[in-house]
Amino acid sequence: MRRVAVTGVSETPSIYRDWWIDERNRLEPVGSLNALLASDGGAYFKTGSTLHLKLVPQDGREWTALDICSSAGC
């Protein structure tokens, strides 16, 4: 597990895990950094213009990928 912070994010993003850009893999916003850290990686936390993400690889992988989009469905 890795935690990443991305700065300069002005709008509420649509974020998707792995290569599927659909609702099955869309991350949900949470209200605090603690809630993000307690999640299974299917969430994000945004405060001001900073986006906090928890990168959790799927079973059997050593990598993870996220698509961060300015609108749903990229």
N, C-alpha and C. Protein backbone atom coordinates (compact mmCIF):
# COMPACT_ATOMS: atom_id res chain seq x y z
N MET A 1 0.85 -1.18 0.00
CA MET A 1 0.00 0.00 0.00
C MET A 1 0.89 1.23 0.00
N ARG A 2 0.52 2.19 -0.83
CA ARG A 2 1.19 3.48 -0.90
C ARG A 2 0.14 4.56 -0.83
N ARG A 3 0.49 5.66 -0.18
CA ARG A 3 -0.39 6.82 -0.17
C ARG A 3 0.27 7.90 -1.02
N VAL A 4 -0.53 8.53 -1.88
CA VAL A 4 -0.03 9.55 -2.80
C VAL A 4 -0.90 10.79 -2.65
N ALA A 5 -0.27 11.96 -2.71
CA ALA A 5 -1.00 13.23 -2.71
C ALA A 5 -0.69 13.96 -4.01
N VAL A 6 -1.73 14.42 -4.68
CA VAL A 6 -1.59 15.17 -5.93
C VAL A 6 -2.11 16.57 -5.66
N THR A 7 -1.29 17.58 -5.93
CA THR A 7 -1.71 18.96 -5.70
C THR A 7 -2.18 19.61 -6.98
N GLY A 8 -2.91 20.71 -6.83
CA GLY A 8 -3.38 21.48 -7.99
C GLY A 8 -4.65 20.93 -8.62
N VAL A 9 -5.40 20.13 -7.88
CA VAL A 9 -6.65 19.55 -8.39
C VAL A 9 -7.78 20.49 -7.98
N SER A 10 -8.30 21.27 -8.93
CA SER A 10 -9.28 22.29 -8.59
C SER A 10 -10.71 21.77 -8.55
N GLU A 11 -11.05 20.84 -9.43
CA GLU A 11 -12.41 20.33 -9.51
C GLU A 11 -12.51 18.96 -8.83
N THR A 12 -13.72 18.52 -8.56
CA THR A 12 -13.92 17.18 -8.03
C THR A 12 -13.69 16.18 -9.16
N PRO A 13 -12.75 15.28 -9.00
CA PRO A 13 -12.41 14.37 -10.08
C PRO A 13 -13.29 13.12 -10.10
N SER A 14 -13.23 12.42 -11.21
CA SER A 14 -13.74 11.05 -11.31
C SER A 14 -12.51 10.17 -11.42
N ILE A 15 -12.37 9.22 -10.51
CA ILE A 15 -11.16 8.40 -10.44
C ILE A 15 -11.55 6.94 -10.57
N TYR A 16 -10.79 6.23 -11.40
CA TYR A 16 -11.08 4.82 -11.70
C TYR A 16 -9.85 3.97 -11.45
N ARG A 17 -10.06 2.78 -10.85
CA ARG A 17 -8.98 1.83 -10.62
C ARG A 17 -8.72 1.00 -11.87
N ASP A 18 -7.48 0.66 -12.07
CA ASP A 18 -7.03 -0.23 -13.14
C ASP A 18 -7.45 0.26 -14.52
N TRP A 19 -7.69 -0.64 -15.44
CA TRP A 19 -7.92 -0.23 -16.82
C TRP A 19 -9.40 -0.07 -17.16
N TRP A 20 -10.31 -0.39 -16.27
CA TRP A 20 -11.73 -0.27 -16.56
C TRP A 20 -12.24 1.08 -16.14
N ILE A 21 -12.69 1.88 -17.08
CA ILE A 21 -13.26 3.18 -16.76
C ILE A 21 -14.77 3.05 -16.83
N ASP A 22 -15.33 2.56 -15.72
CA ASP A 22 -16.78 2.46 -15.59
C ASP A 22 -17.11 2.48 -14.10
N GLU A 23 -18.38 2.45 -13.79
CA GLU A 23 -18.83 2.62 -12.41
C GLU A 23 -18.37 1.51 -11.48
N ARG A 24 -18.05 0.35 -12.00
CA ARG A 24 -17.59 -0.76 -11.14
C ARG A 24 -16.28 -0.42 -10.45
N ASN A 25 -15.46 0.40 -11.08
CA ASN A 25 -14.13 0.70 -10.56
C ASN A 25 -13.94 2.16 -10.18
N ARG A 26 -15.02 2.89 -10.05
CA ARG A 26 -14.94 4.30 -9.69
C ARG A 26 -14.72 4.45 -8.19
N LEU A 27 -13.75 5.26 -7.79
CA LEU A 27 -13.47 5.51 -6.39
C LEU A 27 -14.49 6.49 -5.82
N GLU A 28 -14.84 6.29 -4.56
CA GLU A 28 -15.81 7.13 -3.86
C GLU A 28 -15.08 8.11 -2.95
N PRO A 29 -15.59 9.33 -2.83
CA PRO A 29 -14.98 10.29 -1.90
C PRO A 29 -15.29 9.92 -0.45
N VAL A 30 -14.33 10.17 0.43
CA VAL A 30 -14.54 10.01 1.87
C VAL A 30 -14.25 11.34 2.55
N GLY A 31 -14.70 11.48 3.79
CA GLY A 31 -14.65 12.77 4.47
C GLY A 31 -13.40 13.08 5.26
N SER A 32 -12.45 12.13 5.32
CA SER A 32 -11.24 12.41 6.09
C SER A 32 -10.09 11.53 5.61
N LEU A 33 -8.88 11.93 5.97
CA LEU A 33 -7.71 11.14 5.64
C LEU A 33 -7.75 9.80 6.38
N ASN A 34 -8.22 9.80 7.62
CA ASN A 34 -8.34 8.55 8.37
C ASN A 34 -9.29 7.57 7.68
N ALA A 35 -10.41 8.07 7.14
CA ALA A 35 -11.34 7.22 6.41
C ALA A 35 -10.69 6.65 5.16
N LEU A 36 -9.89 7.45 4.49
CA LEU A 36 -9.17 6.96 3.32
C LEU A 36 -8.21 5.85 3.71
N LEU A 37 -7.44 6.07 4.76
CA LEU A 37 -6.46 5.07 5.18
C LEU A 37 -7.12 3.78 5.65
N ALA A 38 -8.34 3.87 6.17
CA ALA A 38 -9.08 2.68 6.61
C ALA A 38 -9.76 1.95 5.45
N SER A 39 -9.80 2.57 4.27
CA SER A 39 -10.49 1.98 3.13
C SER A 39 -9.67 0.87 2.49
N ASP A 40 -10.32 0.14 1.57
CA ASP A 40 -9.63 -0.91 0.83
C ASP A 40 -8.95 -0.38 -0.44
N GLY A 41 -8.89 0.94 -0.58
CA GLY A 41 -8.32 1.55 -1.77
C GLY A 41 -9.36 2.00 -2.76
N GLY A 42 -10.62 1.78 -2.45
CA GLY A 42 -11.71 2.17 -3.35
C GLY A 42 -12.25 3.55 -3.03
N ALA A 43 -11.41 4.43 -2.47
CA ALA A 43 -11.86 5.75 -2.05
C ALA A 43 -10.75 6.78 -2.31
N TYR A 44 -11.13 8.04 -2.18
CA TYR A 44 -10.16 9.13 -2.22
C TYR A 44 -10.62 10.21 -1.27
N PHE A 45 -9.68 11.09 -0.89
CA PHE A 45 -10.00 12.21 -0.02
C PHE A 45 -9.42 13.46 -0.67
N LYS A 46 -10.24 14.49 -0.79
CA LYS A 46 -9.80 15.76 -1.39
C LYS A 46 -10.01 16.87 -0.36
N THR A 47 -8.96 17.62 -0.12
CA THR A 47 -9.04 18.76 0.76
C THR A 47 -8.41 19.95 0.04
N GLY A 48 -9.19 21.00 -0.15
CA GLY A 48 -8.69 22.12 -0.94
C GLY A 48 -8.37 21.65 -2.34
N SER A 49 -7.14 21.91 -2.77
CA SER A 49 -6.72 21.48 -4.11
C SER A 49 -5.79 20.26 -4.05
N THR A 50 -5.78 19.55 -2.91
CA THR A 50 -4.94 18.36 -2.77
C THR A 50 -5.80 17.11 -2.76
N LEU A 51 -5.44 16.19 -3.60
CA LEU A 51 -6.13 14.91 -3.75
C LEU A 51 -5.26 13.84 -3.10
N HIS A 52 -5.82 13.11 -2.15
CA HIS A 52 -5.11 12.03 -1.46
C HIS A 52 -5.64 10.70 -1.95
N LEU A 53 -4.73 9.80 -2.30
CA LEU A 53 -5.09 8.49 -2.84
C LEU A 53 -4.35 7.40 -2.09
N LYS A 54 -4.97 6.24 -1.97
CA LYS A 54 -4.35 5.06 -1.39
C LYS A 54 -4.22 4.04 -2.50
N LEU A 55 -3.00 3.69 -2.87
CA LEU A 55 -2.78 2.75 -3.97
C LEU A 55 -2.66 1.34 -3.40
N VAL A 56 -3.57 0.47 -3.78
CA VAL A 56 -3.60 -0.90 -3.30
C VAL A 56 -3.66 -1.83 -4.51
N PRO A 57 -2.62 -2.61 -4.75
CA PRO A 57 -2.66 -3.55 -5.88
C PRO A 57 -3.70 -4.64 -5.65
N GLN A 58 -4.28 -5.12 -6.74
CA GLN A 58 -5.18 -6.27 -6.67
C GLN A 58 -4.37 -7.51 -6.33
N ASP A 59 -5.03 -8.53 -5.82
CA ASP A 59 -4.34 -9.77 -5.48
C ASP A 59 -3.56 -10.29 -6.67
N GLY A 60 -2.34 -10.73 -6.42
CA GLY A 60 -1.50 -11.30 -7.46
C GLY A 60 -0.72 -10.27 -8.27
N ARG A 61 -0.86 -8.98 -7.94
CA ARG A 61 -0.15 -7.92 -8.67
C ARG A 61 0.82 -7.19 -7.75
N GLU A 62 1.82 -6.61 -8.37
CA GLU A 62 2.75 -5.76 -7.64
C GLU A 62 2.60 -4.30 -8.07
N TRP A 63 1.57 -4.00 -8.85
CA TRP A 63 1.37 -2.64 -9.37
C TRP A 63 -0.11 -2.29 -9.28
N THR A 64 -0.37 -1.01 -9.40
CA THR A 64 -1.74 -0.51 -9.47
C THR A 64 -1.77 0.67 -10.42
N ALA A 65 -2.93 0.95 -10.97
CA ALA A 65 -3.08 2.07 -11.90
C ALA A 65 -4.39 2.79 -11.59
N LEU A 66 -4.37 4.10 -11.74
CA LEU A 66 -5.56 4.92 -11.56
C LEU A 66 -5.69 5.87 -12.74
N ASP A 67 -6.91 6.10 -13.17
CA ASP A 67 -7.21 7.14 -14.15
C ASP A 67 -7.91 8.25 -13.40
N ILE A 68 -7.35 9.46 -13.44
CA ILE A 68 -7.94 10.62 -12.78
C ILE A 68 -8.48 11.52 -13.87
N CYS A 69 -9.81 11.67 -13.89
CA CYS A 69 -10.50 12.38 -14.97
C CYS A 69 -11.21 13.61 -14.44
N SER A 70 -11.40 14.59 -15.28
CA SER A 70 -12.12 15.80 -14.88
C SER A 70 -13.62 15.63 -14.99
N SER A 71 -14.07 14.56 -15.65
CA SER A 71 -15.52 14.29 -15.75
C SER A 71 -15.72 12.78 -15.76
N ALA A 72 -16.93 12.34 -15.47
CA ALA A 72 -17.23 10.90 -15.43
C ALA A 72 -16.99 10.26 -16.78
N GLY A 73 -16.38 9.09 -16.77
CA GLY A 73 -16.12 8.35 -18.00
C GLY A 73 -14.95 8.84 -18.81
N CYS A 74 -14.25 9.84 -18.32
CA CYS A 74 -13.10 10.44 -18.99
C CYS A 74 -13.49 10.92 -20.37
